[in-house]
Amino acid sequence: MTRRRGIIAAALAALALLVADGRAGSIVFTSEGCELLNVIEDTAANGRRFYRIADITYESSALPEITDCVLSFNRPVVAMGTDDAGHYRIKYASYEPVRGRGIHGAGGAQFFKAQHRVELQSERNLWLGNCEDLGSFSLEFRFRADSLRDESVIFSRIGYASGKKNGLEIVLKNGRLTARFHGVFRDQSGRPRVVYLNRGRRLKLKAWHHALVSFDRVSGKLSKRINGREDEAVYATESGEPFVNVLRPAFECDDLPAGVVGKDFSGIIDEFRISHRHIADLKRETEIASKRHQRLTTIGREPVNREGVVTGPVHTLPATGTQARLFSWREELSSGTFVWMEFRTSDDLFGQADPEPKWYRIVNNQRDIYRMRVGSEFLRGKYCQWRAHLVPSPDGRRSPRLWDIALEYRVDAPPRVPLMVAVAGAGDKSVTIKWKKNVEEDLCGYKIYYGARPGRYDGIITHSRERRITNALSSTNEIEITVTNHVIEENRARDTRGLLSYPIMKNNVLYFFAVSAYDTYRIDTKYNHESALSAPVTGRPFAGSEIRPEE
């Protein structure tokens, strides 16, 4: 496969023209292409456009919660063909129906025998069979424990198809209600994480408790509430901080274990419910697990304020490695309100709702974002995106205002075209090329393009004698490289993709050469910054005279 000089030169020249001299630039972001979640764009008295929260109080919701499973235990055991929502087939049911004080509706389920339990058949199209993304979810129930025996199961959904325990279980341990998630949560690289909620207050025997175990897919908050009070909470994120790199919840795809209620439990369970918000609909909603249920509810909830989110589209910056120098916005914060922002950038194009690249929390007038090191690289890129979070006052009366979101950046210019490129000599199957050194601070090295036909380069020389061609090869202000078949073979071996043919040097054949310079940004990748090619020069290998006069 060959590489044509015209295409290469044109592309490199265009890039060099675009980013010449490390050009600075700025963007004032508009609302075009923004995704608004619980946010509207409003107009102030002076005509200024700004963002504010649409629904501060949570009284309206465009994202209904999906009731996945309900077991009210209001029907006789023999009538338990499916759960109350009609979604799950009941594989097995054995318990003693009870009525009376503390029971909601027409009945509850008392468990005390070894065979007592209810088994739900997991299905791929339901939450208990989902191996993609579980979204935000809540498991809610009322119970009265007649015994606090360890490992008594309120609910479990555990499989072993992968060879390891996978799934969730809500059980009694040390007199407490615990929630264990085995391999359900995974980090950005797909590695499973074990997350437990195993602290909190001890339970009272033979007393009714209302329990809610919930996960907010947006913030990563996993919490356990007993009788309306938060008993324990953790953030299922990679760093333990809210909102940043939230772990993805999903069950194993190779397993469909049953959901089990009441196994080895001694006591009464009533009004068991699983609810969730699908990740595709949820997107950036927050605090969903505490919202009032829309269907089949017998247990109330206190509404909580929800923040509004503005997600900007993915913006294209002038070149790879563009440096974000300053990110700012203007805000008006009424008492108790707050605005916080996230930013991400990458050299690879990504979608507006893609989970990667990683989001980073920033503050207003954040400077020098590009100086943050991520692994072996710095946080720079050709594409960027911002996301704003508007937080209302705790009393649900006031919203912050946000406007004039802006980014200042600087483009990392490629090195200048090498000057004074010339053929310094020719020998047996070799040609020597020289040029003046470049002086850029971030200069990495040079590339010699060569070919046997004008306008076409079939080989690129970046190394000579196992050393990269850099200024360090010369103590003078000039670089001089002799292109031989040994050097050509050395560089052909580095072309692992086999894109070029690397013609060998033959005597008496005219070869065409050009030189470019490249910088230190992501060396040997497509993201590196390379200058345009120098004007071509020609050289002809020649073995020289065979006449050797005697002296």
Protein backbone atom coordinates (compact mmCIF):
# COMPACT_ATOMS: atom_id res chain seq x y z
CA MET A 1 0.00 0.00 0.00
CA THR A 2 1.43 3.39 -0.94
CA ARG A 3 1.04 6.87 0.41
CA ARG A 4 0.77 9.69 -2.07
CA ARG A 5 2.81 12.82 -1.45
CA GLY A 6 0.06 15.12 -2.69
CA ILE A 7 -2.48 13.83 -0.19
CA ILE A 8 -0.01 13.88 2.70
CA ALA A 9 1.33 17.31 1.88
CA ALA A 10 -2.11 18.82 1.44
CA ALA A 11 -3.40 17.40 4.71
CA LEU A 12 -0.37 18.43 6.69
CA ALA A 13 -0.30 21.89 5.12
CA ALA A 14 -3.97 22.41 5.94
CA LEU A 15 -3.39 21.37 9.54
CA ALA A 16 -0.34 23.59 9.83
CA LEU A 17 -2.26 26.56 8.47
CA LEU A 18 -5.15 25.92 10.86
CA VAL A 19 -3.07 25.80 14.02
CA ALA A 20 -0.13 27.99 13.09
CA ASP A 21 1.67 29.60 16.01
CA GLY A 22 -0.36 27.81 18.67
CA ARG A 23 -3.48 29.85 18.02
CA ALA A 24 -5.68 30.75 20.98
CA GLY A 25 -9.44 30.69 20.70
CA SER A 26 -12.63 30.78 22.72
CA ILE A 27 -16.19 29.45 22.62
CA VAL A 28 -19.27 30.91 24.24
CA PHE A 29 -21.64 27.96 24.32
CA THR A 30 -25.23 28.46 23.21
CA SER A 31 -28.27 26.33 23.96
CA GLU A 32 -28.17 24.76 20.50
CA GLY A 33 -27.85 21.00 20.78
CA CYS A 34 -28.09 21.04 24.59
CA GLU A 35 -30.06 18.38 26.39
CA LEU A 36 -32.19 19.85 29.17
CA LEU A 37 -33.35 17.64 32.00
CA ASN A 38 -35.66 19.39 34.46
CA VAL A 39 -34.27 22.67 33.11
CA ILE A 40 -35.74 25.40 30.95
CA GLU A 41 -34.15 28.39 29.24
CA ASP A 42 -35.73 31.61 30.45
CA THR A 43 -35.39 35.34 29.70
CA ALA A 44 -34.50 37.99 32.28
CA ALA A 45 -35.94 41.52 32.31
CA ASN A 46 -32.84 42.81 30.52
CA GLY A 47 -33.27 40.25 27.73
CA ARG A 48 -30.50 37.95 28.93
CA ARG A 49 -31.14 34.24 28.40
CA PHE A 50 -30.38 31.92 31.30
CA TYR A 51 -31.00 28.38 32.55
CA ARG A 52 -33.11 27.59 35.59
CA ILE A 53 -34.68 24.48 37.10
CA ALA A 54 -38.10 23.68 35.68
CA ASP A 55 -39.51 21.70 38.63
CA ILE A 56 -38.00 22.54 42.01
CA THR A 57 -40.45 20.62 44.19
CA TYR A 58 -40.62 17.25 42.42
CA GLU A 59 -44.39 17.68 42.09
CA SER A 60 -44.30 16.79 38.39
CA SER A 61 -42.15 14.25 36.66
CA ALA A 62 -41.62 13.49 33.01
CA LEU A 63 -39.83 10.27 33.86
CA PRO A 64 -42.22 7.81 35.49
CA GLU A 65 -40.75 5.09 37.61
CA ILE A 66 -41.28 1.56 36.32
CA THR A 67 -42.80 -0.89 38.78
CA ASP A 68 -41.05 -4.13 37.96
CA CYS A 69 -42.38 -6.45 40.65
CA VAL A 70 -45.00 -6.26 43.40
CA LEU A 71 -45.88 -8.91 45.98
CA SER A 72 -48.71 -7.61 48.16
CA PHE A 73 -49.55 -11.12 49.47
CA ASN A 74 -53.22 -10.14 49.31
CA ARG A 75 -54.13 -13.30 47.34
CA PRO A 76 -54.28 -16.92 48.51
CA VAL A 77 -51.11 -18.93 47.96
CA VAL A 78 -52.81 -21.10 45.33
CA ALA A 79 -53.60 -17.97 43.29
CA MET A 80 -49.96 -16.86 43.14
CA GLY A 81 -49.39 -17.51 39.44
CA THR A 82 -47.64 -14.21 38.89
CA ASP A 83 -46.65 -11.22 40.97
CA ASP A 84 -49.26 -8.45 41.40
CA ALA A 85 -47.83 -6.44 38.49
CA GLY A 86 -48.26 -9.48 36.21
CA HIS A 87 -44.60 -9.42 35.14
CA TYR A 88 -42.99 -12.40 36.88
CA ARG A 89 -44.09 -16.02 36.89
CA ILE A 90 -44.11 -17.54 40.38
CA LYS A 91 -42.01 -20.74 40.25
CA TYR A 92 -42.74 -21.74 43.83
CA ALA A 93 -44.75 -20.28 46.72
CA SER A 94 -45.13 -21.54 50.25
CA TYR A 95 -46.02 -19.39 53.28
CA GLU A 96 -48.80 -18.86 55.80
CA PRO A 97 -51.24 -16.05 54.85
CA VAL A 98 -51.84 -13.67 57.75
CA ARG A 99 -54.08 -10.73 58.42
CA GLY A 100 -54.37 -8.33 61.29
CA ARG A 101 -52.51 -5.50 62.91
CA GLY A 102 -49.59 -4.17 60.87
CA ILE A 103 -50.73 -5.85 57.65
CA HIS A 104 -51.44 -3.64 54.63
CA GLY A 105 -54.29 -4.60 52.34
CA ALA A 106 -55.92 -8.01 52.54
CA GLY A 107 -52.95 -9.96 53.83
CA GLY A 108 -49.28 -10.63 54.38
CA ALA A 109 -46.96 -13.64 54.27
CA GLN A 110 -45.62 -15.39 57.34
CA PHE A 111 -42.48 -17.50 56.94
CA PHE A 112 -41.23 -19.93 59.56
CA LYS A 113 -40.90 -23.39 58.00
CA ALA A 114 -37.91 -24.74 56.09
CA GLN A 115 -39.91 -24.95 52.84
CA HIS A 116 -41.38 -21.45 53.16
CA ARG A 117 -40.33 -19.04 50.42
CA VAL A 118 -41.48 -17.44 47.17
CA GLU A 119 -39.46 -17.89 43.96
CA LEU A 120 -39.77 -15.50 41.00
CA GLN A 121 -38.73 -16.66 37.52
CA SER A 122 -36.17 -14.21 36.11
CA GLU A 123 -36.67 -13.18 32.48
CA ARG A 124 -34.37 -11.28 30.12
CA ASN A 125 -36.93 -8.53 29.42
CA LEU A 126 -37.40 -7.81 33.14
CA TRP A 127 -35.18 -6.16 35.70
CA LEU A 128 -34.10 -9.38 37.44
CA GLY A 129 -32.86 -10.72 34.09
CA ASN A 130 -31.13 -7.56 32.86
CA CYS A 131 -27.43 -7.93 32.07
CA GLU A 132 -27.02 -4.57 30.32
CA ASP A 133 -27.54 -1.71 32.79
CA LEU A 134 -29.88 -1.87 35.78
CA GLY A 135 -30.29 1.92 35.88
CA SER A 136 -31.58 3.44 39.10
CA PHE A 137 -33.52 1.02 41.25
CA SER A 138 -35.19 0.50 44.61
CA LEU A 139 -36.21 -2.60 46.56
CA GLU A 140 -38.85 -1.87 49.17
CA PHE A 141 -40.72 -3.98 51.68
CA ARG A 142 -42.28 -4.13 55.12
CA PHE A 143 -41.27 -6.86 57.55
CA ARG A 144 -41.58 -8.02 61.13
CA ALA A 145 -38.82 -10.33 62.31
CA ASP A 146 -39.68 -12.96 64.91
CA SER A 147 -36.05 -14.07 64.89
CA LEU A 148 -32.81 -12.27 63.98
CA ARG A 149 -31.04 -15.45 62.89
CA ASP A 150 -28.03 -14.67 60.67
CA GLU A 151 -28.46 -15.16 56.91
CA SER A 152 -32.24 -15.05 57.09
CA VAL A 153 -33.22 -13.99 53.56
CA ILE A 154 -35.64 -11.16 52.91
CA PHE A 155 -34.73 -11.23 49.20
CA SER A 156 -31.96 -12.72 47.09
CA ARG A 157 -31.09 -13.09 43.44
CA ILE A 158 -27.82 -15.05 43.38
CA GLY A 159 -26.17 -16.96 40.54
CA TYR A 160 -22.92 -18.88 40.09
CA ALA A 161 -22.66 -19.35 36.30
CA SER A 162 -19.39 -17.38 36.09
CA GLY A 163 -17.85 -19.54 38.84
CA LYS A 164 -18.22 -16.72 41.35
CA LYS A 165 -21.14 -15.51 43.38
CA ASN A 166 -23.03 -12.89 41.43
CA GLY A 167 -26.15 -10.95 42.32
CA LEU A 168 -27.74 -9.29 45.30
CA GLU A 169 -29.10 -10.41 48.65
CA ILE A 170 -30.88 -8.62 51.47
CA VAL A 171 -30.39 -10.66 54.64
CA LEU A 172 -30.21 -10.35 58.41
CA LYS A 173 -26.75 -10.26 59.94
CA ASN A 174 -25.71 -9.39 63.48
CA GLY A 175 -29.22 -8.19 64.22
CA ARG A 176 -29.15 -5.74 61.30
CA LEU A 177 -30.63 -5.61 57.83
CA THR A 178 -27.79 -5.90 55.32
CA ALA A 179 -27.66 -5.54 51.53
CA ARG A 180 -24.88 -7.27 49.61
CA PHE A 181 -24.09 -6.76 45.94
CA HIS A 182 -21.74 -9.46 44.63
CA GLY A 183 -20.16 -8.48 41.30
CA VAL A 184 -23.23 -6.45 40.35
CA PHE A 185 -21.28 -3.20 40.11
CA ARG A 186 -18.48 -2.85 37.54
CA ASP A 187 -15.94 -0.10 36.97
CA GLN A 188 -15.03 1.59 33.68
CA SER A 189 -12.77 -1.31 32.66
CA GLY A 190 -15.45 -3.92 33.41
CA ARG A 191 -13.92 -5.24 36.61
CA PRO A 192 -16.52 -6.32 39.21
CA ARG A 193 -16.69 -4.60 42.59
CA VAL A 194 -18.22 -5.97 45.78
CA VAL A 195 -20.41 -3.43 47.58
CA TYR A 196 -22.03 -4.07 50.97
CA LEU A 197 -24.41 -2.16 53.20
CA ASN A 198 -23.85 -3.97 56.49
CA ARG A 199 -23.93 -1.29 59.20
CA GLY A 200 -26.74 0.68 60.81
CA ARG A 201 -29.12 0.29 63.69
CA ARG A 202 -30.05 -3.07 65.20
CA LEU A 203 -33.58 -4.21 64.51
CA LYS A 204 -36.27 -4.71 67.12
CA LEU A 205 -37.80 -8.14 67.39
CA LYS A 206 -41.50 -8.44 66.55
CA ALA A 207 -41.70 -4.80 65.46
CA TRP A 208 -42.77 -3.63 62.01
CA HIS A 209 -40.11 -1.99 59.87
CA HIS A 210 -40.33 -0.35 56.48
CA ALA A 211 -37.12 -0.85 54.47
CA LEU A 212 -35.90 0.74 51.25
CA VAL A 213 -32.66 -0.21 49.49
CA SER A 214 -32.04 2.16 46.58
CA PHE A 215 -29.37 3.03 44.03
CA ASP A 216 -29.14 6.32 42.15
CA ARG A 217 -27.47 5.65 38.79
CA VAL A 218 -26.56 9.34 38.40
CA SER A 219 -24.78 10.09 41.67
CA GLY A 220 -23.84 6.50 42.50
CA LYS A 221 -25.50 6.72 45.89
CA LEU A 222 -26.46 3.31 47.29
CA SER A 223 -28.48 3.67 50.46
CA LYS A 224 -30.51 1.72 53.00
CA ARG A 225 -33.40 3.40 54.79
CA ILE A 226 -35.25 1.96 57.77
CA ASN A 227 -38.58 3.53 58.73
CA GLY A 228 -37.86 6.58 56.61
CA ARG A 229 -34.44 7.30 58.11
CA GLU A 230 -31.22 6.69 56.25
CA ASP A 231 -29.48 3.77 57.95
CA GLU A 232 -26.38 3.60 55.78
CA ALA A 233 -25.16 4.96 52.45
CA VAL A 234 -22.11 4.56 50.21
CA TYR A 235 -21.21 5.93 46.80
CA ALA A 236 -20.71 3.13 44.28
CA THR A 237 -18.18 5.08 42.26
CA GLU A 238 -14.56 4.38 41.41
CA SER A 239 -13.27 7.01 43.85
CA GLY A 240 -16.09 6.98 46.38
CA GLU A 241 -17.06 10.52 45.36
CA PRO A 242 -20.59 11.20 44.11
CA PHE A 243 -21.34 11.60 40.38
CA VAL A 244 -17.80 10.82 39.13
CA ASN A 245 -17.29 7.51 37.29
CA VAL A 246 -20.33 5.79 38.74
CA LEU A 247 -20.06 2.00 38.72
CA ARG A 248 -22.36 0.31 36.20
CA PRO A 249 -24.85 -2.13 37.76
CA ALA A 250 -25.69 -5.29 35.80
CA PHE A 251 -26.27 -8.98 36.37
CA GLU A 252 -24.24 -11.74 34.68
CA CYS A 253 -25.52 -12.51 31.18
CA ASP A 254 -24.88 -16.26 31.50
CA ASP A 255 -27.19 -16.74 34.45
CA LEU A 256 -30.90 -16.35 35.20
CA PRO A 257 -31.31 -17.38 38.85
CA ALA A 258 -34.67 -17.01 40.54
CA GLY A 259 -35.51 -14.14 42.83
CA VAL A 260 -36.24 -15.59 46.29
CA VAL A 261 -38.32 -13.98 49.06
CA GLY A 262 -38.43 -15.23 52.68
CA LYS A 263 -36.01 -18.18 52.56
CA ASP A 264 -34.89 -19.20 56.10
CA PHE A 265 -36.66 -16.13 57.45
CA SER A 266 -38.86 -16.24 60.54
CA GLY A 267 -41.44 -13.49 60.53
CA ILE A 268 -43.83 -11.61 58.24
CA ILE A 269 -43.11 -9.85 54.94
CA ASP A 270 -45.62 -7.53 53.31
CA GLU A 271 -45.71 -5.22 50.28
CA PHE A 272 -42.46 -6.28 48.58
CA ARG A 273 -41.68 -4.13 45.53
CA ILE A 274 -38.92 -3.67 42.93
CA SER A 275 -38.94 -0.40 40.98
CA HIS A 276 -36.46 1.13 38.57
CA ARG A 277 -35.76 3.78 36.00
CA HIS A 278 -34.30 2.54 32.73
CA ILE A 279 -30.86 3.97 31.98
CA ALA A 280 -31.94 5.16 28.53
CA ASP A 281 -34.77 7.21 30.03
CA LEU A 282 -33.04 8.10 33.25
CA LYS A 283 -29.92 9.67 31.73
CA ARG A 284 -29.02 12.33 34.29
CA GLU A 285 -31.98 12.28 36.67
CA THR A 286 -31.02 12.30 40.35
CA GLU A 287 -32.42 11.10 43.67
CA ILE A 288 -34.95 8.86 41.89
CA ALA A 289 -35.30 6.16 44.47
CA SER A 290 -37.03 8.40 46.98
CA LYS A 291 -39.68 9.71 44.57
CA ARG A 292 -43.32 8.84 45.17
CA HIS A 293 -44.46 5.69 43.32
CA GLN A 294 -47.06 6.18 40.60
CA ARG A 295 -48.68 2.70 40.66
CA LEU A 296 -49.63 0.00 43.11
CA THR A 297 -48.45 2.02 46.07
CA THR A 298 -49.48 1.52 49.65
CA ILE A 299 -46.46 3.13 51.25
CA GLY A 300 -45.84 6.86 50.98
CA ARG A 301 -42.60 8.72 50.51
CA GLU A 302 -41.38 12.18 51.23
CA PRO A 303 -40.64 14.02 47.96
CA VAL A 304 -37.14 15.41 47.63
CA ASN A 305 -35.87 18.24 45.51
CA ARG A 306 -34.16 17.22 42.33
CA GLU A 307 -31.49 19.12 40.49
CA GLY A 308 -31.68 20.20 36.89
CA VAL A 309 -29.05 19.16 34.37
CA VAL A 310 -27.91 20.82 31.15
CA THR A 311 -25.74 18.63 28.95
CA GLY A 312 -23.95 20.36 26.13
CA PRO A 313 -23.31 18.69 22.77
CA VAL A 314 -19.87 17.37 21.88
CA HIS A 315 -17.86 20.30 20.47
CA THR A 316 -15.10 19.92 17.91
CA LEU A 317 -11.94 21.90 18.63
CA PRO A 318 -9.38 22.81 15.93
CA ALA A 319 -6.92 19.93 16.41
CA THR A 320 -5.86 16.99 18.51
CA GLY A 321 -4.29 17.89 21.82
CA THR A 322 -6.08 21.24 22.08
CA GLN A 323 -5.45 22.73 25.52
CA ALA A 324 -8.42 23.85 27.65
CA ARG A 325 -7.02 26.94 29.38
CA LEU A 326 -10.06 28.44 31.14
CA PHE A 327 -13.64 27.26 31.69
CA SER A 328 -16.05 29.76 33.17
CA TRP A 329 -19.70 30.63 33.56
CA ARG A 330 -21.85 33.27 35.18
CA GLU A 331 -24.36 32.39 37.85
CA GLU A 332 -26.87 33.94 40.20
CA LEU A 333 -27.21 31.93 43.39
CA SER A 334 -30.25 32.56 45.54
CA SER A 335 -30.05 31.46 49.18
CA GLY A 336 -29.43 27.73 49.45
CA THR A 337 -28.89 27.12 45.71
CA PHE A 338 -25.79 25.80 44.01
CA VAL A 339 -24.30 25.16 40.56
CA TRP A 340 -21.60 22.63 39.79
CA MET A 341 -20.08 21.65 36.47
CA GLU A 342 -18.39 18.69 34.77
CA PHE A 343 -16.04 18.68 31.78
CA ARG A 344 -14.47 16.01 29.60
CA THR A 345 -12.28 15.95 26.52
CA SER A 346 -10.72 13.38 24.20
CA ASP A 347 -8.91 13.07 20.88
CA ASP A 348 -11.43 10.38 19.91
CA LEU A 349 -14.93 11.43 18.90
CA PHE A 350 -17.61 10.39 21.41
CA GLY A 351 -21.36 10.72 21.66
CA GLN A 352 -23.30 13.16 23.83
CA ALA A 353 -24.59 10.39 26.12
CA ASP A 354 -21.59 8.02 25.94
CA PRO A 355 -20.26 6.87 29.34
CA GLU A 356 -16.69 7.52 28.23
CA PRO A 357 -14.46 9.49 28.29
CA LYS A 358 -14.41 10.19 31.99
CA TRP A 359 -16.17 13.26 33.40
CA TYR A 360 -14.20 15.57 35.70
CA ARG A 361 -15.80 17.90 38.20
CA ILE A 362 -14.61 21.51 37.81
CA VAL A 363 -15.15 24.86 39.51
CA ASN A 364 -16.01 28.22 38.01
CA ASN A 365 -13.03 29.91 36.33
CA GLN A 366 -11.16 26.60 36.29
CA ARG A 367 -7.75 27.23 34.73
CA ASP A 368 -5.28 24.99 32.95
CA ILE A 369 -7.44 21.89 32.67
CA TYR A 370 -4.92 20.59 30.13
CA ARG A 371 -2.20 20.35 32.82
CA MET A 372 -3.96 17.49 34.60
CA ARG A 373 -2.14 14.23 33.94
CA VAL A 374 -4.24 11.16 33.15
CA GLY A 375 -1.98 8.13 33.18
CA SER A 376 0.96 8.92 30.90
CA GLU A 377 -0.89 11.69 29.03
CA PHE A 378 -2.36 15.08 29.80
CA LEU A 379 -6.04 15.98 29.70
CA ARG A 380 -6.19 17.41 26.19
CA GLY A 381 -8.22 16.61 23.11
CA LYS A 382 -9.95 17.54 19.88
CA TYR A 383 -13.46 17.00 21.28
CA CYS A 384 -14.93 18.35 24.50
CA GLN A 385 -18.23 18.46 26.38
CA TRP A 386 -19.63 20.15 29.48
CA ARG A 387 -22.47 19.27 31.84
CA ALA A 388 -24.04 21.69 34.34
CA HIS A 389 -25.94 20.71 37.48
CA LEU A 390 -28.36 23.25 38.97
CA VAL A 391 -29.26 22.51 42.60
CA PRO A 392 -32.36 24.16 44.15
CA SER A 393 -32.72 25.39 47.72
CA PRO A 394 -33.60 22.72 50.29
CA ASP A 395 -37.07 24.20 50.82
CA GLY A 396 -37.90 23.75 47.14
CA ARG A 397 -38.56 27.46 46.53
CA ARG A 398 -35.54 28.86 44.70
CA SER A 399 -33.48 27.92 41.67
CA PRO A 400 -30.03 29.15 40.65
CA ARG A 401 -29.55 30.93 37.32
CA LEU A 402 -26.80 30.02 34.88
CA TRP A 403 -25.57 31.74 31.70
CA ASP A 404 -22.48 32.69 29.64
CA ILE A 405 -20.79 29.26 29.72
CA ALA A 406 -17.44 29.68 27.95
CA LEU A 407 -14.17 27.94 27.17
CA GLU A 408 -10.82 29.49 26.31
CA TYR A 409 -8.33 27.18 24.61
CA ARG A 410 -5.02 27.11 22.81
CA VAL A 411 -4.20 24.88 19.88
CA ASP A 412 -0.94 22.99 20.12
CA ALA A 413 0.76 23.93 16.84
CA PRO A 414 2.97 21.42 15.04
CA PRO A 415 6.66 22.23 14.56
CA ARG A 416 7.71 24.39 11.63
CA VAL A 417 8.74 22.82 8.35
CA PRO A 418 12.46 21.88 8.45
CA LEU A 419 14.62 24.37 6.53
CA MET A 420 17.60 24.04 4.20
CA VAL A 421 16.87 20.42 3.29
CA ALA A 422 19.51 19.19 0.82
CA VAL A 423 21.32 16.10 -0.44
CA ALA A 424 24.75 16.10 1.16
CA GLY A 425 26.11 13.19 -0.86
CA ALA A 426 25.47 9.82 -2.45
CA GLY A 427 27.28 6.51 -2.21
CA ASP A 428 26.87 2.83 -2.96
CA LYS A 429 23.11 2.22 -2.43
CA SER A 430 22.90 5.22 -0.12
CA VAL A 431 21.97 8.89 -0.08
CA THR A 432 22.83 11.38 2.69
CA ILE A 433 20.24 14.04 3.59
CA LYS A 434 20.88 17.11 5.75
CA TRP A 435 18.78 19.99 7.10
CA LYS A 436 18.85 22.72 9.71
CA LYS A 437 17.72 21.83 13.22
CA ASN A 438 14.32 22.96 14.44
CA VAL A 439 14.27 24.81 17.77
CA GLU A 440 10.74 24.25 19.19
CA GLU A 441 10.66 23.34 22.88
CA ASP A 442 8.30 20.41 22.33
CA LEU A 443 10.12 19.06 19.29
CA CYS A 444 10.50 15.29 19.35
CA GLY A 445 12.06 14.32 16.03
CA TYR A 446 12.01 14.21 12.25
CA LYS A 447 10.66 11.99 9.49
CA ILE A 448 12.33 11.47 6.12
CA TYR A 449 9.82 10.63 3.39
CA TYR A 450 11.27 8.95 0.29
CA GLY A 451 10.16 7.32 -2.95
CA ALA A 452 11.38 6.44 -6.43
CA ARG A 453 8.78 8.50 -8.32
CA PRO A 454 8.01 12.22 -8.12
CA GLY A 455 4.98 13.10 -6.01
CA ARG A 456 4.90 9.71 -4.30
CA TYR A 457 6.52 8.57 -1.08
CA ASP A 458 6.61 4.84 -0.35
CA GLY A 459 8.70 4.88 2.81
CA ILE A 460 9.15 6.94 5.99
CA ILE A 461 12.41 6.95 7.94
CA THR A 462 12.12 7.87 11.63
CA HIS A 463 15.06 5.89 13.09
CA SER A 464 18.68 5.37 12.17
CA ARG A 465 20.85 2.73 13.80
CA GLU A 466 18.11 2.00 16.38
CA ARG A 467 17.98 5.64 17.45
CA ARG A 468 15.12 8.05 16.82
CA ILE A 469 16.15 10.87 14.46
CA THR A 470 16.27 13.85 16.82
CA ASN A 471 18.47 16.89 17.44
CA ALA A 472 20.50 14.78 19.85
CA LEU A 473 22.10 13.01 16.89
CA SER A 474 24.18 16.06 16.05
CA SER A 475 26.33 18.50 18.00
CA THR A 476 26.10 21.13 15.24
CA ASN A 477 23.09 23.10 14.03
CA GLU A 478 22.48 20.58 11.26
CA ILE A 479 21.14 17.04 11.12
CA GLU A 480 22.73 14.65 8.65
CA ILE A 481 21.29 11.16 8.00
CA THR A 482 22.51 8.57 5.53
CA VAL A 483 19.67 6.47 4.12
CA THR A 484 20.91 2.94 3.43
CA ASN A 485 19.14 -0.36 2.85
CA HIS A 486 19.96 -1.32 6.42
CA VAL A 487 18.23 1.84 7.69
CA ILE A 488 15.30 1.21 5.36
CA GLU A 489 14.88 -2.35 6.60
CA GLU A 490 15.08 -1.16 10.20
CA ASN A 491 12.19 1.27 9.62
CA ARG A 492 10.16 -1.18 7.52
CA ALA A 493 10.21 -3.56 10.48
CA ARG A 494 8.67 -0.79 12.62
CA ASP A 495 5.76 -0.43 10.21
CA THR A 496 3.73 -3.19 11.86
CA ARG A 497 0.60 -2.33 9.88
CA GLY A 498 2.39 -2.75 6.56
CA LEU A 499 1.08 0.49 5.11
CA LEU A 500 4.16 1.32 3.04
CA SER A 501 6.31 -0.67 0.61
CA TYR A 502 9.73 0.77 1.58
CA PRO A 503 11.55 0.34 -1.77
CA ILE A 504 15.20 -0.62 -1.44
CA MET A 505 18.00 1.67 -2.57
CA LYS A 506 19.49 0.77 -5.94
CA ASN A 507 22.39 2.43 -7.64
CA ASN A 508 21.66 4.78 -10.53
CA VAL A 509 17.97 5.20 -9.53
CA LEU A 510 16.79 8.73 -8.77
CA TYR A 511 15.05 9.03 -5.36
CA PHE A 512 12.89 11.86 -4.04
CA PHE A 513 13.16 13.01 -0.40
CA ALA A 514 11.27 15.40 1.91
CA VAL A 515 11.56 16.01 5.65
CA SER A 516 8.98 16.84 8.33
CA ALA A 517 9.23 17.55 12.06
CA TYR A 518 6.91 16.31 14.79
CA ASP A 519 6.36 17.14 18.46
CA THR A 520 6.14 15.22 21.73
CA TYR A 521 2.32 14.97 21.89
CA ARG A 522 1.28 11.29 21.77
CA ILE A 523 4.29 10.18 19.75
CA ASP A 524 3.79 7.49 17.09
CA THR A 525 0.01 7.85 17.10
CA LYS A 526 -2.43 9.48 14.70
CA TYR A 527 -2.88 12.27 17.25
CA ASN A 528 0.71 13.51 17.02
CA HIS A 529 1.37 16.97 15.53
CA GLU A 530 3.53 16.88 12.44
CA SER A 531 4.68 19.74 10.23
CA ALA A 532 4.07 19.97 6.51
CA LEU A 533 6.70 18.41 4.29
CA SER A 534 9.72 20.33 3.11
CA ALA A 535 10.24 20.99 -0.57
CA PRO A 536 11.43 17.74 -2.21
CA VAL A 537 15.08 17.11 -3.03
CA THR A 538 16.53 14.36 -5.22
CA GLY A 539 19.49 12.04 -4.83
CA ARG A 540 20.90 9.19 -6.90
CA PRO A 541 22.90 6.37 -5.26
CA PHE A 542 26.10 5.63 -7.17
CA ALA A 543 28.87 3.22 -6.37
CA GLY A 544 31.52 5.61 -7.66
CA SER A 545 34.43 5.03 -9.97
CA GLU A 546 35.99 1.63 -10.27
CA ILE A 547 39.31 3.17 -11.43
CA ARG A 548 41.88 3.18 -8.70
CA PRO A 549 45.15 4.65 -10.04
CA GLU A 550 48.30 3.31 -8.51
CA GLU A 551 50.20 5.82 -6.47
